[in-house]
């Protein structure tokens, strides 16, 4: 009885400690890499996606130039406590090249839209990368030994003259400097008429799906020349088109379930066991619109830009222009939680429409325990919401506003009237600087964020520590490539 009470008390204390997550942490900006001169922002260097692998030891980023850069987490060192959780460049390769569709007279840009890691089956790592039209499967392997002492080949691999071979020897493996090799394994092409906006690997580890504006296809990882169309919302007459697909994702545990979002703000959960073509959804998640808030911009700001299943598979997280919402799979009528990201922009929707900012697509992310959610905003702000305490924090990921090793103070946007010294006016926000892409380490409190405007200052490594145990650090990765990171120590 006493042991049971002790167990319950410990669980209650741990839950209470976790519920005060945002209150017990500090953020600090560090500069482990030498400061570089500000270079002209090159469009090809702008990061377009970030993604951790399933262990969190590797982080992949894709950019608008078609390149993929993989970072590897450095081993922890007692001599360098601030290096804990830092990531360094592991490998870089060109994933996609610009192409031209001669049938439609359209250019296909090389920008990497999405990256998804496959579960690791052996010593090698595998990932999928896609641009608007073509998906590619890549294999990443390490080599630290090389064979020597061949009988019929010289050191350059050329065949020897057999008349010069006078003795036989056993080839041996000699150690060499670590070399990372990235090789293309599959190319999945000609599956989409419209631009691919998302890919998702199934929990069966054999299939994945890709979605464009009007269709979702199911692929087998070993078959490149055909796919199965599982969703098709294209009307017979394109003038009757009222919505498009904006994102899709497989359920983390049930390989037959997937969800896709639409530009009307709805979510459709589909079961592939019901029919081969999942045009009829199993569940429709849609929040009823308040007629009093109806405006010209209502449909635009309600469009879902990202959808993520929780790690438990019980909830879904969605991001629209002004809010992030948490949905329970067992309740379709309305979200169980709604968090305002930047509601102060509601009065500026007209100007945001004129400069096209209203069409920005922000991503969102869960932490490992599904208790905290994160998303980006303008002015290089990113926001975190504690689901237990309903508290939130706004931080700015920018080199210009923070000195090395300086604790990042929570920022607050002031709409009008009196404001504190550190507050920023809504009229002073820089809409050209925005955190669009986010990812969270699957097990630890390490986040990756990528800004839109300035690839040379993308926020870097940060470490999150309990306030009782010390301070954390946020340190930038090498210029033009490093997304922001943060870890709990």
Protein backbone atom coordinates (compact mmCIF):
# COMPACT_ATOMS: atom_id res chain seq x y z
CA UNK A 1 0.00 0.00 0.00
CA UNK A 2 2.80 2.40 0.94
CA UNK A 3 4.67 1.55 -2.26
CA UNK A 4 1.55 2.28 -4.34
CA UNK A 5 1.05 5.63 -2.61
CA UNK A 6 4.71 6.48 -3.17
CA UNK A 7 4.38 5.62 -6.86
CA UNK A 8 1.28 7.78 -7.26
CA UNK A 9 2.92 10.67 -5.40
CA UNK A 10 6.00 10.49 -7.63
CA UNK A 11 3.83 10.41 -10.77
CA UNK A 12 1.84 13.38 -9.50
CA UNK A 13 5.01 15.36 -8.78
CA UNK A 14 6.44 14.56 -12.21
CA UNK A 15 3.20 15.59 -13.89
CA UNK A 16 3.12 18.82 -11.90
CA UNK A 17 6.72 19.57 -12.81
CA UNK A 18 6.00 18.96 -16.48
CA UNK A 19 2.89 21.12 -16.34
CA UNK A 20 5.06 24.11 -15.37
CA UNK A 21 7.38 23.56 -18.31
CA UNK A 22 7.36 27.11 -19.66
CA UNK A 23 7.81 28.65 -16.22
CA UNK A 24 10.96 26.67 -15.43
CA UNK A 25 13.14 27.35 -18.43
CA UNK A 26 15.51 29.98 -19.69
CA UNK A 27 16.86 30.51 -23.17
CA UNK A 28 20.31 31.78 -23.95
CA UNK A 29 21.99 32.79 -27.20
CA UNK A 30 25.53 31.52 -27.74
CA UNK A 31 28.02 32.01 -30.60
CA UNK A 32 30.20 28.90 -30.86
CA UNK A 33 31.04 29.70 -34.47
CA UNK A 34 32.94 32.83 -35.48
CA UNK A 35 30.82 35.78 -36.48
CA UNK A 36 30.70 36.24 -40.23
CA UNK A 37 30.03 39.28 -42.33
CA UNK A 38 26.46 39.66 -43.51
CA UNK A 39 26.26 38.36 -47.06
CA UNK A 40 23.59 39.20 -49.56
CA UNK A 41 20.66 36.89 -49.07
CA UNK A 42 20.60 34.44 -51.97
CA UNK A 43 17.25 32.95 -52.76
CA UNK A 44 18.72 29.49 -53.40
CA UNK A 45 20.08 29.38 -49.84
CA UNK A 46 16.73 29.96 -48.16
CA UNK A 47 15.77 26.91 -46.12
CA UNK A 48 12.44 25.43 -47.21
CA UNK A 49 12.08 22.45 -44.83
CA UNK A 50 13.60 20.96 -41.66
CA UNK A 51 13.17 17.42 -40.30
CA UNK A 52 14.68 15.32 -37.48
CA UNK A 53 15.19 11.60 -37.98
CA UNK A 54 13.47 9.12 -35.66
CA UNK A 55 16.28 9.15 -33.08
CA UNK A 56 16.96 12.87 -33.28
CA UNK A 57 20.66 12.30 -33.91
CA UNK A 58 20.37 13.63 -37.46
CA UNK A 59 18.67 16.77 -38.74
CA UNK A 60 18.02 17.33 -42.44
CA UNK A 61 17.35 20.69 -44.08
CA UNK A 62 16.35 21.40 -47.65
CA UNK A 63 16.63 24.71 -49.47
CA UNK A 64 15.27 26.46 -52.52
CA UNK A 65 18.40 25.56 -54.47
CA UNK A 66 17.55 21.85 -54.35
CA UNK A 67 20.26 21.02 -51.80
CA UNK A 68 19.90 18.83 -48.72
CA UNK A 69 22.21 19.39 -45.76
CA UNK A 70 22.31 16.81 -42.97
CA UNK A 71 23.51 17.76 -39.49
CA UNK A 72 24.71 15.24 -36.92
CA UNK A 73 24.51 15.72 -33.19
CA UNK A 74 27.87 16.05 -31.48
CA UNK A 75 28.65 13.65 -28.62
CA UNK A 76 28.36 15.16 -25.17
CA UNK A 77 31.60 16.35 -23.60
CA UNK A 78 32.34 17.05 -19.95
CA UNK A 79 34.98 19.58 -20.97
CA UNK A 80 32.52 21.55 -23.09
CA UNK A 81 29.18 21.65 -21.27
CA UNK A 82 27.69 24.17 -23.69
CA UNK A 83 28.32 21.82 -26.62
CA UNK A 84 25.63 19.48 -25.37
CA UNK A 85 23.04 19.09 -28.07
CA UNK A 86 25.00 20.91 -30.78
CA UNK A 87 24.78 19.75 -34.38
CA UNK A 88 27.50 19.97 -37.03
CA UNK A 89 27.36 19.43 -40.77
CA UNK A 90 27.38 15.70 -41.56
CA UNK A 91 26.76 15.63 -45.31
CA UNK A 92 25.63 17.88 -48.15
CA UNK A 93 24.28 16.82 -51.52
CA UNK A 94 22.29 18.12 -54.47
CA UNK A 95 18.89 16.45 -54.38
CA UNK A 96 17.03 18.13 -57.26
CA UNK A 97 17.92 20.17 -60.32
CA UNK A 98 15.70 22.64 -62.20
CA UNK A 99 13.75 21.00 -65.02
CA UNK A 100 11.46 22.04 -67.82
CA UNK A 101 8.16 20.40 -68.74
CA UNK A 102 8.07 20.70 -72.52
CA UNK A 103 4.51 19.39 -72.79
CA UNK A 104 3.13 22.14 -70.57
CA UNK A 105 5.89 24.71 -71.19
CA UNK A 106 6.45 25.04 -67.45
CA UNK A 107 9.62 25.33 -65.42
CA UNK A 108 9.92 22.92 -62.49
CA UNK A 109 12.01 24.57 -59.81
CA UNK A 110 14.48 22.62 -57.72
CA UNK A 111 13.18 23.79 -54.32
CA UNK A 112 12.89 21.02 -51.72
CA UNK A 113 9.30 21.05 -50.48
CA UNK A 114 9.51 18.26 -47.90
CA UNK A 115 11.96 15.79 -46.37
CA UNK A 116 10.92 12.63 -44.52
CA UNK A 117 13.22 10.13 -42.83
CA UNK A 118 12.56 6.41 -43.09
CA UNK A 119 12.88 4.30 -39.92
CA UNK A 120 16.43 2.97 -39.70
CA UNK A 121 16.67 -0.73 -40.61
CA UNK A 122 20.47 -1.15 -40.57
CA UNK A 123 23.62 0.94 -40.27
CA UNK A 124 22.56 3.12 -43.20
CA UNK A 125 20.03 5.97 -43.07
CA UNK A 126 17.38 6.67 -45.71
CA UNK A 127 15.27 9.71 -46.49
CA UNK A 128 12.74 10.93 -49.03
CA UNK A 129 13.00 14.39 -50.57
CA UNK A 130 10.62 16.01 -53.02
CA UNK A 131 10.26 19.10 -55.13
CA UNK A 132 7.04 20.04 -56.95
CA UNK A 133 6.98 16.94 -59.17
CA UNK A 134 9.61 14.31 -58.32
CA UNK A 135 10.24 12.32 -55.13
CA UNK A 136 13.63 10.73 -54.53
CA UNK A 137 14.84 8.10 -52.07
CA UNK A 138 18.37 8.59 -50.77
CA UNK A 139 20.67 6.26 -48.82
CA UNK A 140 23.29 7.68 -46.45
CA UNK A 141 26.16 5.37 -45.48
CA UNK A 142 29.49 5.71 -43.67
CA UNK A 143 32.87 4.28 -44.69
CA UNK A 144 35.91 4.25 -42.40
CA UNK A 145 37.79 1.31 -44.01
CA UNK A 146 38.99 0.61 -47.53
CA UNK A 147 40.09 -2.68 -49.13
CA UNK A 148 43.71 -3.04 -50.22
CA UNK A 149 45.87 -5.79 -51.66
CA UNK A 150 43.79 -6.95 -54.62
CA UNK A 151 45.49 -9.51 -56.83
CA UNK A 152 44.03 -8.43 -60.17
CA UNK A 153 43.51 -4.69 -59.59
CA UNK A 154 45.90 -1.89 -58.77
CA UNK A 155 45.32 0.89 -56.20
CA UNK A 156 43.30 2.91 -58.72
CA UNK A 157 40.99 -0.04 -59.46
CA UNK A 158 42.38 -0.76 -62.91
CA UNK A 159 43.02 -4.35 -64.02
CA UNK A 160 46.66 -5.46 -63.84
CA UNK A 161 48.55 -7.18 -66.61
CA UNK A 162 48.16 -10.87 -65.71
CA UNK A 163 51.77 -11.53 -66.74
CA UNK A 164 52.95 -9.29 -63.90
CA UNK A 165 51.02 -11.21 -61.22
CA UNK A 166 53.59 -13.57 -59.69
CA UNK A 167 52.05 -14.22 -56.28
CA UNK A 168 48.69 -14.28 -54.55
CA UNK A 169 47.79 -12.31 -51.44
CA UNK A 170 44.75 -11.97 -49.20
CA UNK A 171 43.07 -8.53 -49.51
CA UNK A 172 42.82 -6.63 -46.24
CA UNK A 173 40.75 -3.70 -44.91
CA UNK A 174 42.75 -0.64 -43.93
CA UNK A 175 41.38 2.20 -41.76
CA UNK A 176 40.69 5.52 -43.45
CA UNK A 177 39.14 8.90 -42.61
CA UNK A 178 35.39 8.71 -42.15
CA UNK A 179 33.60 9.31 -45.43
CA UNK A 180 29.84 9.82 -45.75
CA UNK A 181 28.36 8.62 -49.02
CA UNK A 182 24.91 9.66 -50.25
CA UNK A 183 23.52 7.67 -53.16
CA UNK A 184 20.15 7.84 -54.96
CA UNK A 185 18.18 4.60 -54.59
CA UNK A 186 14.82 5.37 -56.20
CA UNK A 187 13.22 8.12 -58.28
CA UNK A 188 9.42 8.37 -58.09
CA UNK A 189 8.30 10.54 -60.99
CA UNK A 190 5.21 11.22 -63.13
CA UNK A 191 2.82 10.68 -60.25
CA UNK A 192 1.45 14.20 -59.90
CA UNK A 193 -0.06 16.74 -62.25
CA UNK A 194 -0.07 19.48 -59.63
CA UNK A 195 2.55 20.63 -57.14
CA UNK A 196 3.41 18.20 -54.34
CA UNK A 197 2.82 19.83 -50.95
CA UNK A 198 3.47 16.95 -48.54
CA UNK A 199 4.81 13.41 -48.18
CA UNK A 200 4.35 11.02 -45.27
CA UNK A 201 5.93 7.63 -44.52
CA UNK A 202 3.55 4.93 -43.32
CA UNK A 203 4.06 3.04 -40.06
CA UNK A 204 4.32 -0.22 -42.05
CA UNK A 205 7.73 1.07 -43.28
CA UNK A 206 6.90 -0.17 -46.79
CA UNK A 207 4.66 2.54 -48.22
CA UNK A 208 4.35 6.31 -48.23
CA UNK A 209 1.92 8.84 -49.64
CA UNK A 210 2.35 12.08 -51.51
CA UNK A 211 -0.23 14.83 -51.86
CA UNK A 212 -0.73 17.66 -54.31
CA UNK A 213 -3.53 20.22 -54.56
CA UNK A 214 -6.15 17.75 -55.80
CA UNK A 215 -4.88 14.20 -55.36
CA UNK A 216 -3.13 11.91 -52.89
CA UNK A 217 -1.11 8.93 -54.14
CA UNK A 218 0.08 5.83 -52.29
CA UNK A 219 3.52 4.52 -53.24
CA UNK A 220 5.50 1.40 -52.40
CA UNK A 221 9.10 2.19 -51.57
CA UNK A 222 10.34 -0.57 -53.90
CA UNK A 223 8.16 0.35 -56.91
CA UNK A 224 8.84 3.54 -58.85
CA UNK A 225 6.80 3.20 -62.04
CA UNK A 226 3.30 3.22 -60.55
CA UNK A 227 1.30 4.49 -57.60
CA UNK A 228 -2.27 4.13 -56.37
CA UNK A 229 -4.55 7.13 -56.28
CA UNK A 230 -6.32 7.07 -52.89
CA UNK A 231 -7.88 10.57 -52.87
CA UNK A 232 -9.10 12.57 -55.85
CA UNK A 233 -11.10 15.75 -55.27
CA UNK A 234 -10.76 17.10 -58.81
CA UNK A 235 -14.24 17.96 -60.13
CA UNK A 236 -15.34 17.15 -63.67
CA UNK A 237 -15.53 20.89 -64.31
CA UNK A 238 -12.66 22.86 -62.77
CA UNK A 239 -14.99 25.84 -62.41
CA UNK A 240 -16.76 23.86 -59.68
CA UNK A 241 -13.56 23.58 -57.61
CA UNK A 242 -14.14 25.02 -54.13
CA UNK A 243 -11.16 23.74 -52.11
CA UNK A 244 -7.73 22.17 -52.45
CA UNK A 245 -5.64 19.77 -50.37
CA UNK A 246 -3.07 21.61 -48.26
CA UNK A 247 -1.36 18.86 -46.19
CA UNK A 248 -1.60 15.16 -45.33
CA UNK A 249 -0.10 12.70 -42.86
CA UNK A 250 -0.31 9.03 -41.92
CA UNK A 251 -1.37 7.98 -38.43
CA UNK A 252 1.77 7.12 -36.40
CA UNK A 253 0.48 3.69 -35.29
CA UNK A 254 -2.35 2.56 -37.61
CA UNK A 255 -1.14 2.05 -41.17
CA UNK A 256 -4.67 2.18 -42.58
CA UNK A 257 -5.48 5.69 -41.30
CA UNK A 258 -4.42 9.04 -42.69
CA UNK A 259 -5.65 12.62 -42.53
CA UNK A 260 -5.62 15.45 -45.03
CA UNK A 261 -6.48 19.11 -44.60
CA UNK A 262 -8.11 21.55 -46.97
CA UNK A 263 -8.08 25.23 -47.81
CA UNK A 264 -11.51 25.52 -46.16
CA UNK A 265 -10.10 24.64 -42.75
CA UNK A 266 -11.52 21.12 -42.56
CA UNK A 267 -9.78 17.83 -41.75
CA UNK A 268 -10.77 14.49 -43.23
CA UNK A 269 -9.73 11.25 -41.57
CA UNK A 270 -9.72 8.36 -44.04
CA UNK A 271 -9.55 4.58 -43.58
CA UNK A 272 -7.98 2.69 -46.47
CA UNK A 273 -9.73 -0.51 -45.34
CA UNK A 274 -13.11 0.96 -46.31
CA UNK A 275 -12.39 1.50 -50.01
CA UNK A 276 -9.53 1.70 -52.46
CA UNK A 277 -10.46 5.29 -53.30
CA UNK A 278 -10.96 7.26 -50.07
CA UNK A 279 -13.09 10.06 -51.51
CA UNK A 280 -15.57 9.36 -48.72
CA UNK A 281 -13.95 10.17 -45.41
CA UNK A 282 -14.47 8.28 -42.16
CA UNK A 283 -14.57 11.45 -40.07
CA UNK A 284 -14.84 15.14 -40.88
CA UNK A 285 -13.31 17.60 -38.42
CA UNK A 286 -14.65 21.08 -38.98
CA UNK A 287 -15.28 24.01 -36.68
CA UNK A 288 -18.56 25.86 -37.30
CA UNK A 289 -17.98 29.44 -38.42
CA UNK A 290 -19.28 32.33 -36.35
CA UNK A 291 -21.45 34.43 -38.71
CA UNK A 292 -20.57 37.60 -36.79
CA UNK A 293 -16.88 37.17 -37.68
CA UNK A 294 -17.50 36.50 -41.37
CA UNK A 295 -15.42 38.69 -43.67
CA UNK A 296 -13.74 38.73 -47.06
CA UNK A 297 -10.64 37.12 -45.50
CA UNK A 298 -12.43 34.40 -43.50
CA UNK A 299 -11.77 31.57 -45.93
CA UNK A 300 -8.16 32.61 -46.54
CA UNK A 301 -7.17 32.72 -42.87
CA UNK A 302 -9.02 29.47 -42.09
CA UNK A 303 -6.96 27.49 -44.62
CA UNK A 304 -4.91 24.82 -42.81
CA UNK A 305 -1.22 25.09 -43.67
CA UNK A 306 0.03 22.13 -41.59
CA UNK A 307 -1.38 19.08 -39.80
CA UNK A 308 0.51 16.79 -37.40
CA UNK A 309 -0.60 13.73 -35.45
CA UNK A 310 0.52 13.62 -31.84
CA UNK A 311 3.06 10.95 -30.90
CA UNK A 312 0.32 9.06 -29.07
CA UNK A 313 -1.93 9.18 -32.14
CA UNK A 314 -4.86 10.49 -30.08
CA UNK A 315 -4.73 14.13 -31.20
CA UNK A 316 -4.10 16.22 -34.29
CA UNK A 317 -2.42 19.62 -34.39
CA UNK A 318 -3.31 22.10 -37.13
CA UNK A 319 -2.06 25.55 -38.02
CA UNK A 320 -4.02 28.19 -39.88
CA UNK A 321 -3.02 31.80 -40.39
CA UNK A 322 -3.92 33.13 -36.93
CA UNK A 323 -4.22 30.08 -34.67
CA UNK A 324 -3.02 26.60 -33.79
CA UNK A 325 -5.67 24.06 -32.84
CA UNK A 326 -5.64 20.68 -31.14
CA UNK A 327 -8.26 18.16 -32.26
CA UNK A 328 -9.31 14.96 -30.51
CA UNK A 329 -9.87 12.06 -32.91
CA UNK A 330 -13.00 11.22 -30.93
CA UNK A 331 -14.59 14.67 -31.29
CA UNK A 332 -15.30 16.01 -34.76
CA UNK A 333 -17.48 19.03 -33.94
CA UNK A 334 -14.79 21.44 -32.78
CA UNK A 335 -11.16 21.56 -31.60
CA UNK A 336 -10.57 20.85 -27.93
CA UNK A 337 -7.93 23.60 -27.73
CA UNK A 338 -7.37 26.80 -29.70
CA UNK A 339 -4.32 29.02 -29.24
CA UNK A 340 -4.02 32.51 -30.73
CA UNK A 341 -0.63 32.93 -32.41
CA UNK A 342 -0.85 36.57 -33.49
CA UNK A 343 -4.44 37.72 -33.10
CA UNK A 344 -3.17 41.32 -33.13
CA UNK A 345 -2.87 40.99 -36.92
CA UNK A 346 -6.61 40.62 -37.39
CA UNK A 347 -6.98 44.36 -37.90
CA UNK A 348 -4.21 44.34 -40.52
CA UNK A 349 -5.55 41.61 -42.79
CA UNK A 350 -6.17 44.08 -45.61
CA UNK A 351 -2.54 45.20 -45.82
CA UNK A 352 -1.34 41.60 -45.32
CA UNK A 353 -3.51 40.61 -48.28
CA UNK A 354 -2.00 43.34 -50.44
CA UNK A 355 1.58 42.22 -49.73
CA UNK A 356 0.64 38.50 -50.01
CA UNK A 357 1.73 37.74 -46.44
CA UNK A 358 -1.74 36.42 -45.70
CA UNK A 359 -0.87 33.40 -47.87
CA UNK A 360 2.20 32.42 -45.81
CA UNK A 361 2.21 28.78 -44.73
CA UNK A 362 3.41 28.30 -41.15
CA UNK A 363 4.25 24.87 -39.76
CA UNK A 364 3.69 23.52 -36.25
CA UNK A 365 5.24 20.84 -34.04
CA UNK A 366 4.62 18.73 -30.93
CA UNK A 367 7.18 18.11 -28.22
CA UNK A 368 8.07 14.51 -27.35
CA UNK A 369 5.40 14.15 -24.66
CA UNK A 370 2.66 16.02 -26.60
CA UNK A 371 2.37 18.52 -23.74
CA UNK A 372 3.83 21.56 -25.52
CA UNK A 373 3.28 22.81 -29.07
CA UNK A 374 5.33 25.24 -31.12
CA UNK A 375 4.84 27.35 -34.22
CA UNK A 376 6.42 30.33 -35.94
CA UNK A 377 5.33 33.92 -36.47
CA UNK A 378 6.57 37.19 -37.97
CA UNK A 379 9.54 39.30 -36.90
CA UNK A 380 11.51 36.04 -36.38
CA UNK A 381 9.25 35.23 -33.42
CA UNK A 382 8.36 31.68 -32.49
CA UNK A 383 5.70 30.75 -29.98
CA UNK A 384 5.31 27.86 -27.55
CA UNK A 385 2.11 26.86 -25.76
CA UNK A 386 1.93 24.68 -22.65
CA UNK A 387 -1.21 22.57 -22.94
CA UNK A 388 -1.38 21.85 -19.20
CA UNK A 389 -1.07 25.37 -17.79
CA UNK A 390 -2.36 27.19 -20.90
CA UNK A 391 0.64 29.51 -20.60
CA UNK A 392 2.56 30.66 -23.65
CA UNK A 393 5.85 32.34 -24.44
CA UNK A 394 7.10 34.35 -27.43
CA UNK A 395 10.82 34.38 -28.23
CA UNK A 396 12.80 36.01 -31.01
CA UNK A 397 15.31 33.94 -32.98
CA UNK A 398 17.68 36.60 -34.24
CA UNK A 399 21.39 37.30 -33.95
CA UNK A 400 20.87 41.03 -34.22
CA UNK A 401 18.72 41.26 -31.09
CA UNK A 402 20.80 39.01 -28.82
CA UNK A 403 24.37 38.97 -27.62
CA UNK A 404 26.34 35.75 -27.15
CA UNK A 405 25.31 33.85 -24.00
CA UNK A 406 22.54 36.36 -23.30
CA UNK A 407 19.30 34.97 -21.93
CA UNK A 408 16.48 35.43 -24.41
CA UNK A 409 13.74 37.42 -22.77
CA UNK A 410 10.10 36.74 -23.61
CA UNK A 411 8.82 39.25 -26.15
CA UNK A 412 5.40 40.88 -26.18
CA UNK A 413 3.62 42.67 -29.00
CA UNK A 414 1.74 45.79 -27.95
CA UNK A 415 -1.36 46.75 -29.92
CA UNK A 416 -1.92 50.20 -28.46
CA UNK A 417 -1.78 52.36 -25.35
CA UNK A 418 0.97 52.05 -22.78
CA UNK A 419 3.74 49.57 -23.40
CA UNK A 420 6.78 48.36 -21.52
CA UNK A 421 10.33 49.08 -22.53
CA UNK A 422 10.90 45.66 -24.14
CA UNK A 423 7.50 45.53 -25.85
CA UNK A 424 7.31 45.88 -29.61
CA UNK A 425 4.54 47.72 -31.40
CA UNK A 426 2.48 45.77 -33.91
CA UNK A 427 3.29 48.52 -36.43
CA UNK A 428 7.02 47.80 -35.97
CA UNK A 429 6.84 44.11 -36.89
CA UNK A 430 8.99 43.09 -39.84
CA UNK A 431 6.82 40.88 -42.05
CA UNK A 432 9.77 39.96 -44.26
CA UNK A 433 11.30 38.02 -41.36
CA UNK A 434 9.22 34.98 -40.49
CA UNK A 435 9.68 31.55 -38.94
CA UNK A 436 7.84 29.26 -41.35
CA UNK A 437 9.48 25.86 -40.78
CA UNK A 438 9.70 24.09 -37.42
CA UNK A 439 10.59 20.63 -36.09
CA UNK A 440 10.91 19.12 -32.60
CA UNK A 441 13.32 16.39 -31.50
CA UNK A 442 11.30 13.16 -31.06
CA UNK A 443 12.55 12.45 -27.53
CA UNK A 444 14.28 15.54 -26.13
CA UNK A 445 13.46 19.22 -25.92
CA UNK A 446 15.48 20.22 -28.96
CA UNK A 447 13.75 22.29 -31.61
CA UNK A 448 14.75 23.30 -35.12
CA UNK A 449 13.40 26.49 -36.65
CA UNK A 450 14.17 28.12 -39.98
CA UNK A 451 13.52 31.70 -40.97
CA UNK A 452 12.41 32.89 -44.38
CA UNK A 453 14.28 36.10 -45.11
CA UNK A 454 17.89 35.76 -44.04
CA UNK A 455 19.59 32.41 -44.55
CA UNK A 456 22.86 33.81 -43.16
CA UNK A 457 21.40 34.35 -39.70
CA UNK A 458 19.08 31.40 -39.26
CA UNK A 459 18.93 30.84 -35.50
CA UNK A 460 21.15 28.11 -34.22
CA UNK A 461 21.80 25.80 -31.36
CA UNK A 462 20.01 26.45 -28.11
CA UNK A 463 19.91 24.51 -24.89
CA UNK A 464 16.98 24.62 -22.55
CA UNK A 465 17.70 24.07 -18.86
CA UNK A 466 15.71 23.86 -15.70
CA UNK A 467 15.98 27.22 -13.95
CA UNK A 468 16.92 25.40 -10.76
CA UNK A 469 19.77 23.59 -12.47
CA UNK A 470 21.31 26.26 -14.67
CA UNK A 471 20.78 28.25 -17.84
CA UNK A 472 20.45 27.04 -21.37
CA UNK A 473 22.03 28.20 -24.58
CA UNK A 474 20.90 29.06 -28.08
CA UNK A 475 23.78 28.93 -30.53
CA UNK A 476 23.72 29.44 -34.30
CA UNK A 477 24.91 26.80 -36.70
CA UNK A 478 27.19 27.61 -39.66
CA UNK A 479 25.87 30.54 -41.72
CA UNK A 480 23.21 29.92 -44.35
CA UNK A 481 22.46 26.43 -43.14
CA UNK A 482 21.81 26.26 -39.43
CA UNK A 483 18.25 26.05 -38.25
CA UNK A 484 17.59 26.88 -34.62
CA UNK A 485 17.92 24.17 -32.00
CA UNK A 486 17.18 23.91 -28.31
CA UNK A 487 17.69 21.21 -25.71
CA UNK A 488 16.69 20.48 -22.11
CA UNK A 489 19.58 19.68 -19.78
